[in-house]
Amino acid sequence: MTSDPSPGPGRNTSLPFWRWLALLLALLLVLAALRPLSVPDEGRYAEISRWMLVSGDWLVPRLDGLPFFHKPPLMHWLQAGAMAAFGATPWAARLVPAAAALLMVCGLYLAARRLTTAALARRAALMLAASGAFLIGGQYVNHDMLVAAFIASTIWCFALSLLHGERPHATLARAGFAFGALGLLTKGLIGVALPGLVLLAWISWTRQWRKVLRLPWVSGLLLFALLALPWFVLAGERYPGLWNYLFGVQQFGRYTGTTFNNRHGEWFYPVVLAVMLLPWTFFIPFSAPARNQTVPNAFIPIAGPVRSLCWIWLLAILLFFSIPASKLTGYILPVLPPLALLAALGWERVMPGRRHAERWFALLALVPVGGVLVLTITVGLNHRMLSIDVAATLAAERKPGEPVYACGGYPYDLPFTARLRQPIIVVQDWPGLRASASDNWQRELFEAGDFEPDTARAILQRPGRLKTAAQHGGAWLVTPARTSAPPGWKKVQQGESWSLYASGAKGPVAAENEGLPRCYGHGEE
């Protein structure tokens, strides 16, 4: 481990690291306020957190009032807390991924400062902060950035502990156990499986097994259990099938299955990583040691175990997520810290001594900043698939207690935007869908309903329910814009993506909907 923090020739010792990091964090928070919730992910996860807050049920994450056990609840606890402090807004929900992104950057800086030099640590942290991964992943409401930050923190803590000396640093190791517990409580098994895989391979490569025996296993595992296990025990007692569903169906089943969405080839994650860390990606190849090294080794301050940790970290997780058929961009976020450190090392090999190197660094940083700004504004102006327009009307005209029905689709963002305090009644041919539904919103709802069948019977209704509701005033219905409502419903608003209807005589039937397909397609009873 390199202990000399002094920078070598060609390094800029006056780089205002904390000021630029604060500016990039401020930009991230501004970007988080520029757009509405995207669907389905942000609408789903922000609403689960809002519902946790308004319902007072902090044990069970719920989607449309039904137990939603795709993931453990830590992110929703944090987001509900942010909403309690700042209001139930998209910006408040995005404070959690923003804080996770900051944790990832600061963890990289603090770890790299101890393992290499302050200059290299600053460079790596700023490269990560001035990247699309930080500025997009840090403002997107899902579990990926939070669990990635915990995975990275777990690996850094154990690596620093083992590299401390002949006897591992006990406090850092305990911090590693704590971060592993938080990762488990955020997204399940990968919160411990991925850091375990990386550390196992690295310890074997560097032959540090003797040190592993000296880790504070008893106190560390006790801390891990105290943080991670209570929720699994309490929720498992209330819902006996939870563990099998969460770990078996949603994690092991998704990892090994071939019928889920987002199928991509092995090329997917290398391309995603290259784009995520642009323009710094181009410096990664220069991080490898040169065969004819003419620069003194002190000028390239990274020890062999640290370099091997970076590459094992990158390759192990990349291989792990390349195996499944289903691949999502956010899954690969845990490899960003070692990738940024390698990119910074490549910069230190190529750029020291070059004229205006720091100006070039600032100009290159503007590339992802400008690109993300344009992308965020463009996405924010695109309301395709969103229900913002009809949600505003519903929030203004609906009286407390009036039921809201959905048919032909599920508007993920509508409960959050309209501030609904009771579940939407979703109308479909549910018995028929059990045999035909793929990996979609319908399966999400009826599988959630299996944990509370009585609650599901009230929320998941068959199409005949709409005929009865249409005969009485004070009911509302949302359908996709290109479908027609069942007879008896009166159009209130034709939105961009959704239509809003009311029972009774609240408006004329829209003529343009005549002849369009009905919002249900499997029979009326």
Protein backbone atom coordinates (compact mmCIF):
# COMPACT_ATOMS: atom_id res chain seq x y z
CA MET A 1 0.00 0.00 0.00
CA THR A 2 1.35 3.42 -0.94
CA SER A 3 1.47 5.70 2.08
CA ASP A 4 3.17 8.77 0.61
CA PRO A 5 0.43 11.31 -0.11
CA SER A 6 2.71 13.80 -1.79
CA PRO A 7 2.04 14.36 -5.48
CA GLY A 8 4.69 13.79 -8.08
CA PRO A 9 5.83 16.10 -10.87
CA GLY A 10 3.14 17.16 -13.32
CA ARG A 11 0.30 16.93 -10.82
CA ASN A 12 -1.83 19.95 -10.05
CA THR A 13 -1.73 20.36 -6.27
CA SER A 14 -4.10 23.33 -6.33
CA LEU A 15 -7.04 21.52 -7.97
CA PRO A 16 -10.06 22.78 -5.98
CA PHE A 17 -11.46 19.31 -5.52
CA TRP A 18 -14.16 19.94 -2.93
CA ARG A 19 -15.38 23.07 -4.71
CA TRP A 20 -15.77 21.28 -8.04
CA LEU A 21 -17.36 18.28 -6.36
CA ALA A 22 -19.86 20.60 -4.66
CA LEU A 23 -20.67 22.22 -8.00
CA LEU A 24 -21.23 18.85 -9.65
CA LEU A 25 -23.45 17.76 -6.76
CA ALA A 26 -25.42 21.00 -7.07
CA LEU A 27 -25.82 20.34 -10.80
CA LEU A 28 -27.07 16.84 -10.00
CA LEU A 29 -29.70 18.24 -7.63
CA VAL A 30 -30.80 20.80 -10.23
CA LEU A 31 -31.09 18.10 -12.87
CA ALA A 32 -33.19 16.05 -10.45
CA ALA A 33 -35.74 18.87 -10.34
CA LEU A 34 -36.05 19.42 -14.09
CA ARG A 35 -38.22 16.48 -15.09
CA PRO A 36 -41.24 14.53 -13.89
CA LEU A 37 -41.10 10.91 -12.85
CA SER A 38 -40.35 8.52 -15.68
CA VAL A 39 -42.30 5.30 -15.98
CA PRO A 40 -42.40 2.58 -15.08
CA ASP A 41 -39.44 2.53 -12.66
CA GLU A 42 -39.53 5.98 -11.09
CA GLY A 43 -43.31 6.05 -10.90
CA ARG A 44 -43.33 2.62 -9.24
CA TYR A 45 -40.58 3.15 -6.67
CA ALA A 46 -41.42 6.74 -5.76
CA GLU A 47 -45.05 5.77 -5.20
CA ILE A 48 -44.11 2.77 -3.01
CA SER A 49 -42.12 5.16 -0.80
CA ARG A 50 -44.90 7.78 -0.73
CA TRP A 51 -47.45 5.11 0.17
CA MET A 52 -45.21 3.93 3.01
CA LEU A 53 -45.24 7.48 4.37
CA VAL A 54 -48.97 8.22 4.05
CA SER A 55 -50.11 4.76 5.18
CA GLY A 56 -47.77 4.52 8.16
CA ASP A 57 -46.90 0.91 7.23
CA TRP A 58 -43.10 0.93 7.33
CA LEU A 59 -42.75 -2.85 7.34
CA VAL A 60 -44.31 -3.75 3.99
CA PRO A 61 -43.47 -2.01 0.68
CA ARG A 62 -46.76 -1.73 -1.24
CA LEU A 63 -47.59 -1.08 -4.88
CA ASP A 64 -51.20 0.06 -5.29
CA GLY A 65 -51.90 -1.13 -1.75
CA LEU A 66 -50.54 -4.66 -2.39
CA PRO A 67 -47.35 -6.13 -0.83
CA PHE A 68 -44.52 -5.63 -3.31
CA PHE A 69 -41.60 -7.87 -2.44
CA HIS A 70 -39.36 -7.59 -5.48
CA LYS A 71 -36.76 -5.92 -3.25
CA PRO A 72 -36.17 -5.28 0.47
CA PRO A 73 -37.33 -1.93 1.91
CA LEU A 74 -34.24 0.16 2.78
CA MET A 75 -34.49 2.49 -0.21
CA HIS A 76 -38.17 3.08 0.49
CA TRP A 77 -37.46 3.88 4.14
CA LEU A 78 -34.92 6.47 3.06
CA GLN A 79 -37.14 7.95 0.35
CA ALA A 80 -40.14 8.11 2.65
CA GLY A 81 -37.94 9.95 5.16
CA ALA A 82 -36.85 12.41 2.48
CA MET A 83 -40.48 13.00 1.49
CA ALA A 84 -41.44 13.55 5.13
CA ALA A 85 -38.80 16.28 5.30
CA PHE A 86 -39.19 17.90 1.86
CA GLY A 87 -42.61 16.85 0.61
CA ALA A 88 -43.79 14.10 -1.73
CA THR A 89 -42.14 15.40 -4.90
CA PRO A 90 -39.96 13.75 -7.54
CA TRP A 91 -37.05 15.88 -6.35
CA ALA A 92 -37.38 14.59 -2.78
CA ALA A 93 -37.49 10.99 -4.03
CA ARG A 94 -34.31 11.63 -6.03
CA LEU A 95 -32.38 12.82 -2.99
CA VAL A 96 -31.65 9.17 -2.08
CA PRO A 97 -29.93 8.17 -5.36
CA ALA A 98 -28.14 11.55 -5.31
CA ALA A 99 -26.82 10.85 -1.81
CA ALA A 100 -25.81 7.34 -2.92
CA ALA A 101 -23.90 8.77 -5.89
CA LEU A 102 -22.12 11.17 -3.55
CA LEU A 103 -21.26 8.28 -1.22
CA MET A 104 -19.76 6.39 -4.17
CA VAL A 105 -17.60 9.37 -5.20
CA CYS A 106 -16.46 10.20 -1.67
CA GLY A 107 -15.76 6.53 -0.95
CA LEU A 108 -13.59 6.36 -4.05
CA TYR A 109 -11.71 9.50 -3.04
CA LEU A 110 -11.09 8.44 0.57
CA ALA A 111 -10.05 4.91 -0.38
CA ALA A 112 -7.82 5.97 -3.25
CA ARG A 113 -6.19 8.63 -1.09
CA ARG A 114 -5.11 5.95 1.36
CA LEU A 115 -4.08 3.47 -1.31
CA THR A 116 -2.38 5.83 -3.78
CA THR A 117 -1.88 9.61 -3.63
CA ALA A 118 -4.14 12.58 -2.98
CA ALA A 119 -3.69 13.83 -6.55
CA LEU A 120 -4.70 10.52 -8.14
CA ALA A 121 -7.63 10.20 -5.72
CA ARG A 122 -8.89 13.68 -6.63
CA ARG A 123 -8.59 12.95 -10.31
CA ALA A 124 -10.47 9.66 -10.07
CA ALA A 125 -13.26 11.14 -7.96
CA LEU A 126 -13.75 14.10 -10.29
CA MET A 127 -13.80 11.80 -13.32
CA LEU A 128 -16.56 9.76 -11.70
CA ALA A 129 -18.49 12.87 -10.63
CA ALA A 130 -18.15 14.44 -14.09
CA SER A 131 -19.67 11.45 -15.88
CA GLY A 132 -23.03 10.41 -17.19
CA ALA A 133 -23.09 7.60 -14.63
CA PHE A 134 -23.04 10.07 -11.72
CA LEU A 135 -25.27 12.73 -13.29
CA ILE A 136 -27.90 10.30 -14.63
CA GLY A 137 -27.71 7.38 -12.21
CA GLY A 138 -27.66 9.83 -9.30
CA GLN A 139 -31.02 11.33 -10.28
CA TYR A 140 -32.90 8.15 -11.21
CA VAL A 141 -35.29 6.65 -8.67
CA ASN A 142 -34.53 2.95 -8.40
CA HIS A 143 -32.33 0.69 -6.26
CA ASP A 144 -29.29 0.54 -8.53
CA MET A 145 -27.22 3.53 -7.40
CA LEU A 146 -27.89 2.87 -3.71
CA VAL A 147 -26.88 -0.78 -3.79
CA ALA A 148 -23.89 0.06 -6.02
CA ALA A 149 -22.65 2.58 -3.44
CA PHE A 150 -23.02 0.02 -0.64
CA ILE A 151 -21.27 -2.68 -2.69
CA ALA A 152 -18.38 -0.34 -3.47
CA SER A 153 -18.14 0.76 0.18
CA THR A 154 -18.07 -2.87 1.33
CA ILE A 155 -15.21 -3.71 -1.03
CA TRP A 156 -13.21 -0.60 -0.13
CA CYS A 157 -13.57 -1.18 3.61
CA PHE A 158 -12.43 -4.81 3.51
CA ALA A 159 -9.61 -4.02 1.06
CA LEU A 160 -8.34 -1.16 3.22
CA SER A 161 -8.59 -3.36 6.28
CA LEU A 162 -6.54 -6.15 4.72
CA LEU A 163 -3.94 -3.77 3.27
CA HIS A 164 -3.50 -2.02 6.61
CA GLY A 165 -0.72 -4.35 7.69
CA GLU A 166 -0.14 -7.83 9.00
CA ARG A 167 -3.16 -7.45 11.26
CA PRO A 168 -6.32 -6.17 9.50
CA HIS A 169 -7.86 -2.89 10.62
CA ALA A 170 -10.79 -4.03 12.77
CA THR A 171 -12.90 -0.86 12.54
CA LEU A 172 -12.71 -0.77 8.76
CA ALA A 173 -13.65 -4.45 8.60
CA ARG A 174 -16.67 -3.84 10.81
CA ALA A 175 -17.67 -0.97 8.54
CA GLY A 176 -17.46 -3.45 5.66
CA PHE A 177 -19.84 -5.82 7.44
CA ALA A 178 -22.24 -2.90 8.05
CA PHE A 179 -22.20 -1.78 4.42
CA GLY A 180 -22.78 -5.37 3.34
CA ALA A 181 -25.85 -5.53 5.56
CA LEU A 182 -27.17 -2.29 4.05
CA GLY A 183 -26.61 -3.72 0.58
CA LEU A 184 -28.57 -6.84 1.48
CA LEU A 185 -31.36 -4.68 2.87
CA THR A 186 -31.41 -2.60 -0.32
CA LYS A 187 -31.51 -5.17 -3.11
CA GLY A 188 -31.14 -8.60 -1.61
CA LEU A 189 -28.43 -11.15 -2.25
CA ILE A 190 -26.32 -9.15 -4.68
CA GLY A 191 -25.59 -6.73 -1.85
CA VAL A 192 -23.38 -9.41 -0.29
CA ALA A 193 -22.75 -11.78 -3.21
CA LEU A 194 -20.98 -9.23 -5.42
CA PRO A 195 -18.54 -7.85 -2.84
CA GLY A 196 -18.00 -11.41 -1.64
CA LEU A 197 -17.17 -12.55 -5.19
CA VAL A 198 -14.74 -9.67 -5.77
CA LEU A 199 -13.01 -10.03 -2.42
CA LEU A 200 -12.77 -13.82 -2.70
CA ALA A 201 -11.07 -13.58 -6.09
CA TRP A 202 -8.78 -10.74 -4.98
CA ILE A 203 -7.75 -12.38 -1.71
CA SER A 204 -6.96 -15.58 -3.59
CA TRP A 205 -4.97 -13.69 -6.23
CA THR A 206 -2.94 -11.73 -3.64
CA ARG A 207 -2.66 -14.69 -1.20
CA GLN A 208 -4.00 -12.91 1.86
CA TRP A 209 -5.93 -15.79 3.40
CA ARG A 210 -3.87 -15.65 6.59
CA LYS A 211 -5.07 -12.10 7.19
CA VAL A 212 -8.67 -13.11 6.57
CA LEU A 213 -8.57 -15.33 9.65
CA ARG A 214 -7.72 -12.25 11.74
CA LEU A 215 -10.78 -10.25 10.68
CA PRO A 216 -13.24 -9.45 13.51
CA TRP A 217 -15.67 -12.14 12.44
CA VAL A 218 -17.70 -12.40 15.64
CA SER A 219 -18.39 -8.69 16.14
CA GLY A 220 -18.67 -8.12 12.38
CA LEU A 221 -21.24 -10.83 11.80
CA LEU A 222 -23.17 -9.73 14.87
CA LEU A 223 -23.31 -6.17 13.50
CA PHE A 224 -24.37 -7.54 10.11
CA ALA A 225 -27.16 -9.59 11.68
CA LEU A 226 -28.44 -6.71 13.83
CA LEU A 227 -28.72 -4.44 10.78
CA ALA A 228 -29.94 -6.83 8.10
CA LEU A 229 -31.98 -9.61 9.66
CA PRO A 230 -34.82 -8.01 11.68
CA TRP A 231 -36.85 -6.98 8.64
CA PHE A 232 -36.47 -10.37 6.94
CA VAL A 233 -37.58 -12.14 10.13
CA LEU A 234 -40.56 -9.87 10.85
CA ALA A 235 -41.80 -9.72 7.26
CA GLY A 236 -41.19 -13.45 6.80
CA GLU A 237 -43.33 -14.22 9.84
CA ARG A 238 -46.22 -12.17 8.46
CA TYR A 239 -45.87 -13.53 4.89
CA PRO A 240 -44.55 -17.13 4.95
CA GLY A 241 -43.81 -17.21 1.21
CA LEU A 242 -41.77 -14.00 1.18
CA TRP A 243 -38.27 -15.53 1.30
CA ASN A 244 -38.97 -17.95 -1.51
CA TYR A 245 -40.50 -15.21 -3.65
CA LEU A 246 -37.82 -12.57 -2.99
CA PHE A 247 -34.74 -14.78 -3.16
CA GLY A 248 -36.03 -17.62 -5.30
CA VAL A 249 -38.33 -16.05 -7.90
CA GLN A 250 -37.16 -12.43 -8.08
CA GLN A 251 -33.42 -12.97 -7.73
CA PHE A 252 -32.31 -16.50 -8.55
CA GLY A 253 -35.17 -16.96 -11.01
CA ARG A 254 -34.43 -13.71 -12.83
CA TYR A 255 -30.73 -14.48 -12.94
CA THR A 256 -31.20 -17.90 -14.51
CA GLY A 257 -34.43 -17.30 -16.46
CA THR A 258 -34.79 -16.55 -20.16
CA THR A 259 -38.35 -15.20 -20.26
CA PHE A 260 -37.80 -11.79 -18.67
CA ASN A 261 -37.60 -8.42 -20.43
CA ASN A 262 -34.47 -6.49 -21.55
CA ARG A 263 -32.63 -9.35 -23.23
CA HIS A 264 -29.21 -8.37 -24.62
CA GLY A 265 -26.03 -10.10 -25.73
CA GLU A 266 -22.62 -10.21 -24.06
CA TRP A 267 -21.66 -6.96 -25.81
CA PHE A 268 -24.14 -4.96 -23.76
CA TYR A 269 -22.25 -4.07 -20.60
CA PRO A 270 -18.88 -3.22 -22.18
CA VAL A 271 -20.68 -0.74 -24.42
CA VAL A 272 -22.72 0.63 -21.51
CA LEU A 273 -19.59 1.15 -19.41
CA ALA A 274 -17.78 2.88 -22.23
CA VAL A 275 -20.66 5.34 -22.61
CA MET A 276 -21.25 5.78 -18.88
CA LEU A 277 -17.75 7.05 -18.22
CA LEU A 278 -17.22 9.11 -21.36
CA PRO A 279 -14.90 10.85 -22.12
CA TRP A 280 -12.68 9.30 -19.44
CA THR A 281 -13.07 5.83 -20.95
CA PHE A 282 -10.36 6.64 -23.52
CA PHE A 283 -7.72 6.87 -20.78
CA ILE A 284 -8.34 3.40 -19.30
CA PRO A 285 -6.10 1.51 -21.80
CA PHE A 286 -3.17 3.71 -20.75
CA SER A 287 -3.45 2.52 -17.13
CA ALA A 288 -1.61 -0.73 -17.94
CA PRO A 289 2.12 -0.75 -17.05
CA ALA A 290 4.31 0.02 -20.04
CA ARG A 291 6.84 -2.62 -21.07
CA ASN A 292 9.63 -0.08 -21.49
CA GLN A 293 8.91 2.09 -18.46
CA THR A 294 11.00 5.26 -18.59
CA VAL A 295 9.11 7.20 -15.92
CA PRO A 296 10.16 6.38 -12.34
CA ASN A 297 7.69 4.12 -10.61
CA ALA A 298 7.04 6.77 -7.93
CA PHE A 299 5.35 8.91 -10.55
CA ILE A 300 2.73 6.21 -11.15
CA PRO A 301 1.76 5.55 -7.53
CA ILE A 302 -0.40 2.46 -7.50
CA ALA A 303 0.74 -0.76 -5.88
CA GLY A 304 0.25 -4.20 -7.40
CA PRO A 305 -2.49 -5.34 -4.97
CA VAL A 306 -4.46 -2.14 -5.64
CA ARG A 307 -4.17 -2.53 -9.40
CA SER A 308 -5.24 -6.17 -9.19
CA LEU A 309 -8.20 -5.17 -6.99
CA CYS A 310 -9.39 -2.72 -9.66
CA TRP A 311 -9.21 -5.23 -12.48
CA ILE A 312 -10.68 -8.13 -10.51
CA TRP A 313 -13.47 -5.86 -9.29
CA LEU A 314 -14.26 -4.81 -12.84
CA LEU A 315 -14.01 -8.21 -14.50
CA ALA A 316 -15.78 -10.25 -11.80
CA ILE A 317 -18.90 -8.08 -11.75
CA LEU A 318 -18.88 -7.63 -15.51
CA LEU A 319 -18.80 -11.40 -15.99
CA PHE A 320 -21.45 -11.94 -13.29
CA PHE A 321 -23.98 -9.67 -14.97
CA SER A 322 -23.14 -10.75 -18.51
CA ILE A 323 -24.33 -14.31 -17.86
CA PRO A 324 -28.10 -13.65 -17.49
CA ALA A 325 -30.20 -13.03 -20.59
CA SER A 326 -31.94 -10.05 -18.95
CA LYS A 327 -29.64 -7.02 -18.63
CA LEU A 328 -30.35 -3.52 -17.35
CA THR A 329 -27.99 -0.56 -17.48
CA GLY A 330 -28.07 0.15 -13.76
CA TYR A 331 -26.90 -3.33 -12.78
CA ILE A 332 -23.32 -2.53 -13.78
CA LEU A 333 -22.98 0.64 -11.66
CA PRO A 334 -20.89 -1.11 -8.93
CA VAL A 335 -17.84 -1.27 -11.23
CA LEU A 336 -17.61 2.50 -11.73
CA PRO A 337 -15.19 3.27 -8.85
CA PRO A 338 -12.36 0.97 -10.02
CA LEU A 339 -13.00 2.02 -13.60
CA ALA A 340 -12.63 5.70 -12.65
CA LEU A 341 -9.43 4.94 -10.74
CA LEU A 342 -7.98 3.19 -13.79
CA ALA A 343 -9.01 6.10 -16.00
CA ALA A 344 -7.29 8.52 -13.61
CA LEU A 345 -4.16 6.38 -13.69
CA GLY A 346 -4.27 6.46 -17.49
CA TRP A 347 -4.51 10.24 -17.39
CA GLU A 348 -1.47 10.40 -15.11
CA ARG A 349 0.50 8.38 -17.64
CA VAL A 350 -0.53 10.46 -20.66
CA MET A 351 -1.07 14.04 -19.54
CA PRO A 352 1.55 15.10 -16.92
CA GLY A 353 3.87 17.74 -18.27
CA ARG A 354 1.58 18.59 -21.16
CA ARG A 355 0.73 22.24 -21.61
CA HIS A 356 -2.74 23.25 -20.41
CA ALA A 357 -3.48 19.73 -19.13
CA GLU A 358 -5.88 21.01 -16.48
CA ARG A 359 -7.71 23.16 -19.01
CA TRP A 360 -8.17 20.09 -21.16
CA PHE A 361 -9.50 18.25 -18.14
CA ALA A 362 -12.06 20.98 -17.53
CA LEU A 363 -13.10 21.03 -21.19
CA LEU A 364 -13.48 17.25 -21.29
CA ALA A 365 -15.61 17.41 -18.13
CA LEU A 366 -18.02 19.71 -19.98
CA VAL A 367 -18.80 16.91 -22.46
CA PRO A 368 -20.79 14.69 -20.06
CA VAL A 369 -22.15 17.71 -18.18
CA GLY A 370 -23.54 19.27 -21.35
CA GLY A 371 -24.78 15.96 -22.72
CA VAL A 372 -26.66 15.07 -19.54
CA LEU A 373 -28.15 18.55 -19.30
CA VAL A 374 -29.52 18.31 -22.84
CA LEU A 375 -30.77 14.76 -22.27
CA THR A 376 -32.48 15.66 -18.99
CA ILE A 377 -34.27 18.66 -20.47
CA THR A 378 -35.29 16.67 -23.55
CA VAL A 379 -36.64 13.79 -21.49
CA GLY A 380 -38.34 16.21 -19.12
CA LEU A 381 -40.28 17.79 -21.98
CA ASN A 382 -41.39 14.41 -23.30
CA HIS A 383 -44.51 13.32 -21.45
CA ARG A 384 -45.12 10.24 -23.54
CA MET A 385 -46.61 7.47 -21.39
CA LEU A 386 -47.07 9.87 -18.44
CA SER A 387 -50.38 10.78 -16.84
CA ILE A 388 -49.42 14.26 -15.61
CA ASP A 389 -52.22 16.07 -17.43
CA VAL A 390 -55.08 13.83 -16.30
CA ALA A 391 -53.56 13.49 -12.81
CA ALA A 392 -53.76 17.27 -12.36
CA THR A 393 -57.43 17.26 -13.33
CA LEU A 394 -58.14 14.31 -11.07
CA ALA A 395 -56.41 15.96 -8.12
CA ALA A 396 -58.44 19.16 -8.65
CA GLU A 397 -61.90 17.65 -9.24
CA ARG A 398 -61.98 14.39 -7.33
CA LYS A 399 -63.53 14.45 -3.86
CA PRO A 400 -61.99 12.46 -0.99
CA GLY A 401 -63.11 8.87 -0.96
CA GLU A 402 -64.21 8.74 -4.61
CA PRO A 403 -62.83 5.56 -6.22
CA VAL A 404 -60.43 5.66 -9.16
CA TYR A 405 -60.45 2.82 -11.68
CA ALA A 406 -57.83 1.93 -14.29
CA CYS A 407 -58.53 -0.25 -17.31
CA GLY A 408 -56.24 -1.32 -20.14
CA GLY A 409 -53.06 -0.29 -18.37
CA TYR A 410 -51.63 0.92 -15.09
CA PRO A 411 -50.53 4.59 -14.84
CA TYR A 412 -47.55 4.20 -12.53
CA ASP A 413 -47.10 7.93 -11.96
CA LEU A 414 -50.76 8.84 -11.41
CA PRO A 415 -51.11 7.90 -7.70
CA PHE A 416 -47.97 9.90 -6.88
CA THR A 417 -48.86 12.92 -9.01
CA ALA A 418 -52.53 13.04 -7.99
CA ARG A 419 -51.66 12.37 -4.31
CA LEU A 420 -54.14 9.50 -4.04
CA ARG A 421 -54.64 8.09 -0.57
CA GLN A 422 -56.43 4.91 -1.60
CA PRO A 423 -55.45 2.24 -4.14
CA ILE A 424 -56.54 2.42 -7.77
CA ILE A 425 -59.03 -0.33 -8.62
CA VAL A 426 -57.45 -2.07 -11.61
CA VAL A 427 -59.88 -3.76 -13.98
CA GLN A 428 -58.69 -6.68 -16.10
CA ASP A 429 -59.57 -10.30 -16.81
CA TRP A 430 -57.25 -11.44 -14.02
CA PRO A 431 -57.94 -15.20 -14.22
CA GLY A 432 -57.12 -15.18 -17.93
CA LEU A 433 -54.00 -13.07 -17.41
CA ARG A 434 -52.48 -15.55 -14.97
CA ALA A 435 -52.00 -17.94 -17.84
CA SER A 436 -50.82 -15.38 -20.41
CA ALA A 437 -49.19 -12.36 -18.73
CA SER A 438 -45.48 -11.92 -19.37
CA ASP A 439 -42.98 -9.92 -17.32
CA ASN A 440 -45.22 -6.84 -17.11
CA TRP A 441 -47.34 -4.62 -14.86
CA GLN A 442 -50.16 -7.13 -14.75
CA ARG A 443 -47.93 -9.85 -13.34
CA GLU A 444 -46.50 -7.40 -10.82
CA LEU A 445 -49.98 -6.72 -9.46
CA PHE A 446 -51.47 -10.19 -9.34
CA GLU A 447 -48.30 -11.67 -7.83
CA ALA A 448 -48.36 -8.91 -5.20
CA GLY A 449 -52.01 -9.74 -4.58
CA ASP A 450 -51.14 -13.36 -3.82
CA PHE A 451 -49.65 -12.23 -0.49
CA GLU A 452 -52.97 -10.65 0.61
CA PRO A 453 -55.82 -12.32 -1.32
CA ASP A 454 -58.56 -10.43 0.53
CA THR A 455 -56.99 -7.07 -0.26
CA ALA A 456 -56.41 -8.16 -3.86
CA ARG A 457 -60.06 -9.07 -4.36
CA ALA A 458 -61.02 -5.48 -3.59
CA ILE A 459 -58.32 -3.90 -5.79
CA LEU A 460 -57.99 -6.28 -8.74
CA GLN A 461 -61.46 -6.40 -10.29
CA ARG A 462 -62.91 -7.97 -13.43
CA PRO A 463 -64.46 -5.80 -16.19
CA GLY A 464 -68.03 -6.32 -15.03
CA ARG A 465 -67.26 -4.00 -12.12
CA LEU A 466 -67.12 -1.02 -14.50
CA LYS A 467 -70.75 -1.45 -15.51
CA THR A 468 -71.86 -1.20 -11.90
CA ALA A 469 -69.58 1.76 -11.12
CA ALA A 470 -70.81 3.67 -14.19
CA GLN A 471 -74.36 3.70 -12.84
CA HIS A 472 -73.40 5.78 -9.80
CA GLY A 473 -71.78 9.18 -9.56
CA GLY A 474 -68.47 9.92 -7.92
CA ALA A 475 -66.25 7.38 -9.68
CA TRP A 476 -63.33 8.00 -12.02
CA LEU A 477 -61.69 5.92 -14.73
CA VAL A 478 -58.38 6.23 -16.56
CA THR A 479 -57.60 4.32 -19.74
CA PRO A 480 -54.85 4.47 -22.35
CA ALA A 481 -55.58 7.28 -24.80
CA ARG A 482 -56.20 4.98 -27.77
CA THR A 483 -58.84 2.84 -26.12
CA SER A 484 -62.49 3.56 -25.44
CA ALA A 485 -64.20 3.35 -22.09
CA PRO A 486 -67.02 0.88 -21.45
CA PRO A 487 -70.58 2.18 -21.91
CA GLY A 488 -71.85 4.67 -19.36
CA TRP A 489 -68.58 6.49 -18.69
CA LYS A 490 -68.33 10.14 -19.71
CA LYS A 491 -65.11 11.66 -20.93
CA VAL A 492 -63.67 14.45 -18.79
CA GLN A 493 -60.28 14.88 -20.44
CA GLN A 494 -58.33 13.51 -23.36
CA GLY A 495 -54.73 13.57 -22.21
CA GLU A 496 -51.59 13.01 -24.22
CA SER A 497 -51.23 9.38 -23.14
CA TRP A 498 -54.25 8.69 -20.92
CA SER A 499 -57.95 9.54 -20.96
CA LEU A 500 -59.96 10.47 -17.89
CA TYR A 501 -63.62 9.52 -17.53
CA ALA A 502 -66.22 10.03 -14.82
CA SER A 503 -69.35 8.13 -13.97
CA GLY A 504 -72.62 10.03 -14.15
CA ALA A 505 -73.08 13.16 -16.25
CA LYS A 506 -69.78 14.95 -15.83
CA GLY A 507 -69.08 15.34 -19.52
CA PRO A 508 -69.98 14.18 -23.02
CA VAL A 509 -68.74 10.97 -24.52
CA ALA A 510 -65.79 11.70 -26.80
CA ALA A 511 -66.74 10.94 -30.38
CA GLU A 512 -63.16 10.26 -31.39
CA ASN A 513 -63.15 7.21 -29.14
CA GLU A 514 -65.97 5.52 -30.99
CA GLY A 515 -64.77 2.41 -32.73
CA LEU A 516 -61.54 2.18 -30.75
CA PRO A 517 -60.75 -1.07 -28.92
CA ARG A 518 -62.10 -1.43 -25.42
CA CYS A 519 -59.74 -1.10 -22.48
CA TYR A 520 -60.20 -4.80 -21.65
CA GLY A 521 -59.84 -7.70 -24.00
CA HIS A 522 -60.58 -10.95 -22.23
CA GLY A 523 -64.33 -10.78 -21.72
CA GLU A 524 -66.52 -8.73 -19.43
CA GLU A 525 -67.31 -11.10 -16.62
